[in-house]
PDB file of all heavy atoms in Angstrom:
ATOM      1  N   SER A   1      12.027 -10.047  -4.409  1.00  0.00           N
ATOM      2  CA  SER A   1      12.312 -10.270  -5.822  1.00  0.00           C
ATOM      3  C   SER A   1      12.687  -8.954  -6.497  1.00  0.00           C
ATOM      4  O   SER A   1      12.583  -7.886  -5.910  1.00  0.00           O
ATOM      5  CB  SER A   1      11.128 -10.907  -6.534  1.00  0.00           C
ATOM      6  OG  SER A   1      10.032 -10.009  -6.547  1.00  0.00           O
ATOM      7  N   ARG A   2      13.135  -9.023  -7.752  1.00  0.00           N
ATOM      8  CA  ARG A   2      13.556  -7.885  -8.554  1.00  0.00           C
ATOM      9  C   ARG A   2      12.821  -7.915  -9.876  1.00  0.00           C
ATOM     10  O   ARG A   2      12.305  -8.926 -10.229  1.00  0.00           O
ATOM     11  CB  ARG A   2      15.045  -7.951  -8.813  1.00  0.00           C
ATOM     12  CG  ARG A   2      15.862  -7.752  -7.533  1.00  0.00           C
ATOM     13  CD  ARG A   2      17.278  -7.317  -7.852  1.00  0.00           C
ATOM     14  NE  ARG A   2      18.042  -7.107  -6.707  1.00  0.00           N
ATOM     15  CZ  ARG A   2      18.173  -5.969  -6.087  1.00  0.00           C
ATOM     16  NH1 ARG A   2      17.528  -4.902  -6.527  1.00  0.00           N
ATOM     17  NH2 ARG A   2      18.888  -5.870  -5.014  1.00  0.00           N
ATOM     18  N   PRO A   3      12.810  -6.885 -10.733  1.00  0.00           N
ATOM     19  CA  PRO A   3      13.473  -5.596 -10.656  1.00  0.00           C
ATOM     20  C   PRO A   3      12.796  -4.607  -9.698  1.00  0.00           C
ATOM     21  O   PRO A   3      13.266  -3.528  -9.490  1.00  0.00           O
ATOM     22  CB  PRO A   3      13.455  -5.060 -12.088  1.00  0.00           C
ATOM     23  CG  PRO A   3      12.155  -5.606 -12.631  1.00  0.00           C
ATOM     24  CD  PRO A   3      11.995  -6.961 -11.960  1.00  0.00           C
ATOM     25  N   PHE A   4      11.645  -5.010  -9.210  1.00  0.00           N
ATOM     26  CA  PHE A   4      10.979  -4.199  -8.192  1.00  0.00           C
ATOM     27  C   PHE A   4      11.574  -4.596  -6.855  1.00  0.00           C
ATOM     28  O   PHE A   4      11.974  -5.728  -6.671  1.00  0.00           O
ATOM     29  CB  PHE A   4       9.486  -4.473  -8.214  1.00  0.00           C
ATOM     30  CG  PHE A   4       8.832  -4.134  -9.506  1.00  0.00           C
ATOM     31  CD1 PHE A   4       8.619  -5.111 -10.473  1.00  0.00           C
ATOM     32  CD2 PHE A   4       8.405  -2.849  -9.780  1.00  0.00           C
ATOM     33  CE1 PHE A   4       8.022  -4.803 -11.680  1.00  0.00           C
ATOM     34  CE2 PHE A   4       7.799  -2.544 -10.977  1.00  0.00           C
ATOM     35  CZ  PHE A   4       7.615  -3.504 -11.942  1.00  0.00           C
ATOM     36  N   GLU A   5      11.544  -3.682  -5.926  1.00  0.00           N
ATOM     37  CA  GLU A   5      11.876  -4.032  -4.568  1.00  0.00           C
ATOM     38  C   GLU A   5      10.569  -4.439  -3.905  1.00  0.00           C
ATOM     39  O   GLU A   5       9.581  -3.715  -3.916  1.00  0.00           O
ATOM     40  CB  GLU A   5      12.474  -2.813  -3.866  1.00  0.00           C
ATOM     41  CG  GLU A   5      12.862  -3.097  -2.449  1.00  0.00           C
ATOM     42  CD  GLU A   5      13.360  -1.864  -1.741  1.00  0.00           C
ATOM     43  OE1 GLU A   5      13.092  -0.730  -2.158  1.00  0.00           O
ATOM     44  OE2 GLU A   5      14.030  -2.038  -0.723  1.00  0.00           O
ATOM     45  N   ILE A   6      10.526  -5.662  -3.412  1.00  0.00           N
ATOM     46  CA  ILE A   6       9.280  -6.172  -2.832  1.00  0.00           C
ATOM     47  C   ILE A   6       9.615  -6.602  -1.388  1.00  0.00           C
ATOM     48  O   ILE A   6      10.445  -7.472  -1.165  1.00  0.00           O
ATOM     49  CB  ILE A   6       8.695  -7.359  -3.635  1.00  0.00           C
ATOM     50  CG1 ILE A   6       8.406  -6.819  -5.069  1.00  0.00           C
ATOM     51  CG2 ILE A   6       7.488  -7.921  -2.976  1.00  0.00           C
ATOM     52  CD1 ILE A   6       7.862  -7.845  -6.007  1.00  0.00           C
ATOM     53  N   VAL A   7       8.903  -5.990  -0.465  1.00  0.00           N
ATOM     54  CA  VAL A   7       9.190  -6.171   0.944  1.00  0.00           C
ATOM     55  C   VAL A   7       7.931  -6.366   1.762  1.00  0.00           C
ATOM     56  O   VAL A   7       6.849  -5.929   1.365  1.00  0.00           O
ATOM     57  CB  VAL A   7       9.994  -4.970   1.520  1.00  0.00           C
ATOM     58  CG1 VAL A   7      11.343  -4.826   0.835  1.00  0.00           C
ATOM     59  CG2 VAL A   7       9.231  -3.679   1.413  1.00  0.00           C
ATOM     60  N   PRO A   8       8.014  -7.019   2.913  1.00  0.00           N
ATOM     61  CA  PRO A   8       6.862  -7.187   3.805  1.00  0.00           C
ATOM     62  C   PRO A   8       6.291  -5.872   4.286  1.00  0.00           C
ATOM     63  O   PRO A   8       7.085  -4.916   4.531  1.00  0.00           O
ATOM     64  CB  PRO A   8       7.444  -8.010   4.951  1.00  0.00           C
ATOM     65  CG  PRO A   8       8.675  -8.624   4.440  1.00  0.00           C
ATOM     66  CD  PRO A   8       9.227  -7.698   3.447  1.00  0.00           C
ATOM     67  N   LEU A   9       5.000  -5.803   4.453  1.00  0.00           N
ATOM     68  CA  LEU A   9       4.349  -4.585   4.985  1.00  0.00           C
ATOM     69  C   LEU A   9       4.509  -4.618   6.506  1.00  0.00           C
ATOM     70  O   LEU A   9       3.831  -5.295   7.214  1.00  0.00           O
ATOM     71  CB  LEU A   9       2.878  -4.571   4.609  1.00  0.00           C
ATOM     72  CG  LEU A   9       2.077  -3.396   5.265  1.00  0.00           C
ATOM     73  CD1 LEU A   9       2.655  -2.075   4.887  1.00  0.00           C
ATOM     74  CD2 LEU A   9       0.605  -3.524   4.855  1.00  0.00           C
ATOM     75  N   ALA A  10       5.486  -3.829   6.977  1.00  0.00           N
ATOM     76  CA  ALA A  10       5.715  -3.622   8.370  1.00  0.00           C
ATOM     77  C   ALA A  10       5.038  -2.311   8.818  1.00  0.00           C
ATOM     78  O   ALA A  10       4.761  -1.459   7.953  1.00  0.00           O
ATOM     79  CB  ALA A  10       7.228  -3.618   8.656  1.00  0.00           C
ATOM     80  N   PRO A  11       4.842  -2.122  10.135  1.00  0.00           N
ATOM     81  CA  PRO A  11       4.140  -0.891  10.557  1.00  0.00           C
ATOM     82  C   PRO A  11       4.801   0.409  10.055  1.00  0.00           C
ATOM     83  O   PRO A  11       4.109   1.332   9.732  1.00  0.00           O
ATOM     84  CB  PRO A  11       4.229  -1.009  12.109  1.00  0.00           C
ATOM     85  CG  PRO A  11       4.244  -2.471  12.354  1.00  0.00           C
ATOM     86  CD  PRO A  11       5.037  -3.056  11.218  1.00  0.00           C
ATOM     87  N   GLU A  12       6.127   0.399   9.964  1.00  0.00           N
ATOM     88  CA  GLU A  12       6.777   1.654   9.518  1.00  0.00           C
ATOM     89  C   GLU A  12       6.551   1.920   8.028  1.00  0.00           C
ATOM     90  O   GLU A  12       6.865   2.998   7.532  1.00  0.00           O
ATOM     91  CB  GLU A  12       8.288   1.582   9.811  1.00  0.00           C
ATOM     92  CG  GLU A  12       9.027   0.494   9.109  1.00  0.00           C
ATOM     93  CD  GLU A  12       9.074  -0.840   9.884  1.00  0.00           C
ATOM     94  OE1 GLU A  12       8.316  -1.023  10.869  1.00  0.00           O
ATOM     95  OE2 GLU A  12       9.905  -1.673   9.493  1.00  0.00           O
ATOM     96  N   ARG A  13       5.942   1.015   7.297  1.00  0.00           N
ATOM     97  CA  ARG A  13       5.612   1.220   5.855  1.00  0.00           C
ATOM     98  C   ARG A  13       4.107   1.533   5.655  1.00  0.00           C
ATOM     99  O   ARG A  13       3.646   1.503   4.545  1.00  0.00           O
ATOM    100  CB  ARG A  13       6.003  -0.017   5.075  1.00  0.00           C
ATOM    101  CG  ARG A  13       7.458  -0.291   5.086  1.00  0.00           C
ATOM    102  CD  ARG A  13       7.811  -1.491   4.224  1.00  0.00           C
ATOM    103  NE  ARG A  13       9.223  -1.686   4.218  1.00  0.00           N
ATOM    104  CZ  ARG A  13      10.110  -1.028   3.463  1.00  0.00           C
ATOM    105  NH1 ARG A  13       9.666  -0.096   2.636  1.00  0.00           N
ATOM    106  NH2 ARG A  13      11.376  -1.256   3.517  1.00  0.00           N
ATOM    107  N   TRP A  14       3.409   1.820   6.741  1.00  0.00           N
ATOM    108  CA  TRP A  14       1.971   2.080   6.657  1.00  0.00           C
ATOM    109  C   TRP A  14       1.630   3.157   5.608  1.00  0.00           C
ATOM    110  O   TRP A  14       0.730   2.967   4.766  1.00  0.00           O
ATOM    111  CB  TRP A  14       1.395   2.428   8.012  1.00  0.00           C
ATOM    112  CG  TRP A  14      -0.036   2.838   7.916  1.00  0.00           C
ATOM    113  CD1 TRP A  14      -0.582   4.066   8.054  1.00  0.00           C
ATOM    114  CD2 TRP A  14      -1.129   1.959   7.591  1.00  0.00           C
ATOM    115  NE1 TRP A  14      -1.951   4.052   7.859  1.00  0.00           N
ATOM    116  CE2 TRP A  14      -2.298   2.757   7.567  1.00  0.00           C
ATOM    117  CE3 TRP A  14      -1.247   0.599   7.280  1.00  0.00           C
ATOM    118  CZ2 TRP A  14      -3.577   2.242   7.297  1.00  0.00           C
ATOM    119  CZ3 TRP A  14      -2.520   0.082   7.026  1.00  0.00           C
ATOM    120  CH2 TRP A  14      -3.677   0.901   7.052  1.00  0.00           C
ATOM    121  N   GLN A  15       2.311   4.271   5.623  1.00  0.00           N
ATOM    122  CA  GLN A  15       2.025   5.334   4.704  1.00  0.00           C
ATOM    123  C   GLN A  15       2.244   4.913   3.240  1.00  0.00           C
ATOM    124  O   GLN A  15       1.623   5.467   2.336  1.00  0.00           O
ATOM    125  CB  GLN A  15       2.807   6.610   5.014  1.00  0.00           C
ATOM    126  CG  GLN A  15       2.349   7.284   6.279  1.00  0.00           C
ATOM    127  CD  GLN A  15       0.836   7.622   6.284  1.00  0.00           C
ATOM    128  OE1 GLN A  15       0.271   8.059   5.286  1.00  0.00           O
ATOM    129  NE2 GLN A  15       0.162   7.371   7.414  1.00  0.00           N
ATOM    130  N   ASP A  16       3.108   3.956   3.017  1.00  0.00           N
ATOM    131  CA  ASP A  16       3.362   3.463   1.664  1.00  0.00           C
ATOM    132  C   ASP A  16       2.151   2.678   1.143  1.00  0.00           C
ATOM    133  O   ASP A  16       1.750   2.832  -0.027  1.00  0.00           O
ATOM    134  CB  ASP A  16       4.604   2.609   1.630  1.00  0.00           C
ATOM    135  CG  ASP A  16       5.852   3.416   1.902  1.00  0.00           C
ATOM    136  OD1 ASP A  16       5.813   4.684   1.839  1.00  0.00           O
ATOM    137  OD2 ASP A  16       6.893   2.793   2.201  1.00  0.00           O
ATOM    138  N   VAL A  17       1.544   1.852   1.996  1.00  0.00           N
ATOM    139  CA  VAL A  17       0.368   1.128   1.533  1.00  0.00           C
ATOM    140  C   VAL A  17      -0.816   2.075   1.359  1.00  0.00           C
ATOM    141  O   VAL A  17      -1.623   1.919   0.449  1.00  0.00           O
ATOM    142  CB  VAL A  17       0.036  -0.094   2.432  1.00  0.00           C
ATOM    143  CG1 VAL A  17      -0.723   0.296   3.689  1.00  0.00           C
ATOM    144  CG2 VAL A  17      -0.763  -1.141   1.670  1.00  0.00           C
ATOM    145  N   VAL A  18      -0.885   3.104   2.194  1.00  0.00           N
ATOM    146  CA  VAL A  18      -1.910   4.143   2.025  1.00  0.00           C
ATOM    147  C   VAL A  18      -1.753   4.816   0.639  1.00  0.00           C
ATOM    148  O   VAL A  18      -2.726   5.017  -0.067  1.00  0.00           O
ATOM    149  CB  VAL A  18      -1.834   5.183   3.153  1.00  0.00           C
ATOM    150  CG1 VAL A  18      -2.721   6.396   2.849  1.00  0.00           C
ATOM    151  CG2 VAL A  18      -2.242   4.547   4.470  1.00  0.00           C
ATOM    152  N   ALA A  19      -0.514   5.104   0.228  1.00  0.00           N
ATOM    153  CA  ALA A  19      -0.242   5.695  -1.066  1.00  0.00           C
ATOM    154  C   ALA A  19      -0.671   4.750  -2.191  1.00  0.00           C
ATOM    155  O   ALA A  19      -1.277   5.201  -3.193  1.00  0.00           O
ATOM    156  CB  ALA A  19       1.206   6.054  -1.189  1.00  0.00           C
ATOM    157  N   VAL A  20      -0.437   3.467  -2.046  1.00  0.00           N
ATOM    158  CA  VAL A  20      -0.843   2.508  -3.076  1.00  0.00           C
ATOM    159  C   VAL A  20      -2.364   2.446  -3.193  1.00  0.00           C
ATOM    160  O   VAL A  20      -2.879   2.428  -4.293  1.00  0.00           O
ATOM    161  CB  VAL A  20      -0.254   1.086  -2.801  1.00  0.00           C
ATOM    162  CG1 VAL A  20      -0.880   0.063  -3.729  1.00  0.00           C
ATOM    163  CG2 VAL A  20       1.276   1.103  -2.937  1.00  0.00           C
ATOM    164  N   PHE A  21      -3.055   2.425  -2.071  1.00  0.00           N
ATOM    165  CA  PHE A  21      -4.514   2.314  -2.099  1.00  0.00           C
ATOM    166  C   PHE A  21      -5.168   3.562  -2.625  1.00  0.00           C
ATOM    167  O   PHE A  21      -6.297   3.494  -3.098  1.00  0.00           O
ATOM    168  CB  PHE A  21      -5.019   1.997  -0.707  1.00  0.00           C
ATOM    169  CG  PHE A  21      -4.849   0.542  -0.281  1.00  0.00           C
ATOM    170  CD1 PHE A  21      -4.077  -0.341  -1.001  1.00  0.00           C
ATOM    171  CD2 PHE A  21      -5.425   0.097   0.859  1.00  0.00           C
ATOM    172  CE1 PHE A  21      -3.876  -1.637  -0.595  1.00  0.00           C
ATOM    173  CE2 PHE A  21      -5.289  -1.250   1.276  1.00  0.00           C
ATOM    174  CZ  PHE A  21      -4.514  -2.074   0.552  1.00  0.00           C
ATOM    175  N   GLY A  22      -4.539   4.680  -2.554  1.00  0.00           N
ATOM    176  CA  GLY A  22      -5.129   5.886  -3.128  1.00  0.00           C
ATOM    177  C   GLY A  22      -5.822   6.764  -2.146  1.00  0.00           C
ATOM    178  O   GLY A  22      -5.665   6.682  -0.950  1.00  0.00           O
ATOM    179  N   ASP A  23      -6.680   7.630  -2.686  1.00  0.00           N
ATOM    180  CA  ASP A  23      -7.297   8.714  -1.927  1.00  0.00           C
ATOM    181  C   ASP A  23      -8.508   8.377  -1.088  1.00  0.00           C
ATOM    182  O   ASP A  23      -9.196   9.238  -0.616  1.00  0.00           O
ATOM    183  CB  ASP A  23      -7.613   9.852  -2.900  1.00  0.00           C
ATOM    184  CG  ASP A  23      -8.645   9.446  -3.922  1.00  0.00           C
ATOM    185  OD1 ASP A  23      -9.243   8.353  -3.820  1.00  0.00           O
ATOM    186  OD2 ASP A  23      -8.869  10.213  -4.909  1.00  0.00           O
ATOM    187  N   GLY A  24      -8.782   7.095  -0.916  1.00  0.00           N
ATOM    188  CA  GLY A  24      -9.916   6.723  -0.116  1.00  0.00           C
ATOM    189  C   GLY A  24     -11.224   6.517  -0.848  1.00  0.00           C
ATOM    190  O   GLY A  24     -12.195   6.121  -0.277  1.00  0.00           O
ATOM    191  N   ARG A  25     -11.220   6.779  -2.153  1.00  0.00           N
ATOM    192  CA  ARG A  25     -12.391   6.497  -2.954  1.00  0.00           C
ATOM    193  C   ARG A  25     -12.234   5.169  -3.638  1.00  0.00           C
ATOM    194  O   ARG A  25     -11.107   4.657  -3.783  1.00  0.00           O
ATOM    195  CB  ARG A  25     -12.552   7.606  -4.011  1.00  0.00           C
ATOM    196  CG  ARG A  25     -12.865   8.926  -3.416  1.00  0.00           C
ATOM    197  CD  ARG A  25     -12.971   9.977  -4.484  1.00  0.00           C
ATOM    198  NE  ARG A  25     -11.641  10.118  -5.091  1.00  0.00           N
ATOM    199  CZ  ARG A  25     -11.345  10.884  -6.111  1.00  0.00           C
ATOM    200  NH1 ARG A  25     -12.286  11.579  -6.699  1.00  0.00           N
ATOM    201  NH2 ARG A  25     -10.118  10.969  -6.582  1.00  0.00           N
ATOM    202  N   GLY A  26     -13.298   4.589  -4.054  1.00  0.00           N
ATOM    203  CA  GLY A  26     -13.245   3.365  -4.793  1.00  0.00           C
ATOM    204  C   GLY A  26     -13.007   2.122  -3.953  1.00  0.00           C
ATOM    205  O   GLY A  26     -13.080   2.184  -2.715  1.00  0.00           O
ATOM    206  N   VAL A  27     -12.770   1.027  -4.624  1.00  0.00           N
ATOM    207  CA  VAL A  27     -12.694  -0.272  -3.938  1.00  0.00           C
ATOM    208  C   VAL A  27     -11.605  -0.320  -2.889  1.00  0.00           C
ATOM    209  O   VAL A  27     -11.838  -0.710  -1.748  1.00  0.00           O
ATOM    210  CB  VAL A  27     -12.480  -1.402  -4.996  1.00  0.00           C
ATOM    211  CG1 VAL A  27     -12.277  -2.736  -4.281  1.00  0.00           C
ATOM    212  CG2 VAL A  27     -13.679  -1.472  -5.905  1.00  0.00           C
ATOM    213  N   CYS A  28     -10.385   0.113  -3.201  1.00  0.00           N
ATOM    214  CA  CYS A  28      -9.293  -0.007  -2.243  1.00  0.00           C
ATOM    215  C   CYS A  28      -9.536   0.865  -1.015  1.00  0.00           C
ATOM    216  O   CYS A  28      -9.280   0.467   0.092  1.00  0.00           O
ATOM    217  CB  CYS A  28      -7.980   0.372  -2.910  1.00  0.00           C
ATOM    218  SG  CYS A  28      -7.512  -0.751  -4.231  1.00  0.00           S
ATOM    219  N   GLY A  29     -10.012   2.074  -1.248  1.00  0.00           N
ATOM    220  CA  GLY A  29     -10.234   3.008  -0.138  1.00  0.00           C
ATOM    221  C   GLY A  29     -11.395   2.586   0.741  1.00  0.00           C
ATOM    222  O   GLY A  29     -11.447   3.034   1.915  1.00  0.00           O
ATOM    223  N   GLU A  30     -12.286   1.829   0.268  1.00  0.00           N
ATOM    224  CA  GLU A  30     -13.397   1.315   1.091  1.00  0.00           C
ATOM    225  C   GLU A  30     -13.068   0.006   1.756  1.00  0.00           C
ATOM    226  O   GLU A  30     -13.464  -0.260   2.850  1.00  0.00           O
ATOM    227  CB  GLU A  30     -14.664   1.182   0.231  1.00  0.00           C
ATOM    228  CG  GLU A  30     -15.175   2.483  -0.317  1.00  0.00           C
ATOM    229  CD  GLU A  30     -15.785   3.386   0.716  1.00  0.00           C
ATOM    230  OE1 GLU A  30     -16.562   2.922   1.496  1.00  0.00           O
ATOM    231  OE2 GLU A  30     -15.377   4.572   0.762  1.00  0.00           O
ATOM    232  N   CYS A  31     -12.351  -0.861   1.041  1.00  0.00           N
ATOM    233  CA  CYS A  31     -12.127  -2.247   1.481  1.00  0.00           C
ATOM    234  C   CYS A  31     -10.954  -2.393   2.443  1.00  0.00           C
ATOM    235  O   CYS A  31     -11.048  -3.053   3.467  1.00  0.00           O
ATOM    236  CB  CYS A  31     -11.872  -3.111   0.262  1.00  0.00           C
ATOM    237  SG  CYS A  31     -11.556  -4.835   0.667  1.00  0.00           S
ATOM    238  N   TRP A  32      -9.850  -1.787   2.104  1.00  0.00           N
ATOM    239  CA  TRP A  32      -8.615  -1.910   2.914  1.00  0.00           C
ATOM    240  C   TRP A  32      -8.263  -3.369   3.174  1.00  0.00           C
ATOM    241  O   TRP A  32      -7.809  -3.730   4.247  1.00  0.00           O
ATOM    242  CB  TRP A  32      -8.729  -1.111   4.212  1.00  0.00           C
ATOM    243  CG  TRP A  32      -8.686   0.362   3.969  1.00  0.00           C
ATOM    244  CD1 TRP A  32      -9.765   1.181   3.808  1.00  0.00           C
ATOM    245  CD2 TRP A  32      -7.560   1.174   3.829  1.00  0.00           C
ATOM    246  NE1 TRP A  32      -9.343   2.459   3.538  1.00  0.00           N
ATOM    247  CE2 TRP A  32      -7.963   2.458   3.549  1.00  0.00           C
ATOM    248  CE3 TRP A  32      -6.189   0.878   3.882  1.00  0.00           C
ATOM    249  CZ2 TRP A  32      -7.095   3.500   3.347  1.00  0.00           C
ATOM    250  CZ3 TRP A  32      -5.304   1.927   3.691  1.00  0.00           C
ATOM    251  CH2 TRP A  32      -5.747   3.229   3.422  1.00  0.00           C
TER     252      TRP A  32
END
């Protein structure tokens, strides 16, 4: 969909989901 580019999380996008989840603190960094 648009205006955002929205794509499936494939292995080559791993670092992108890491960036979204943040620095490892809080809910996202603990839950994954």
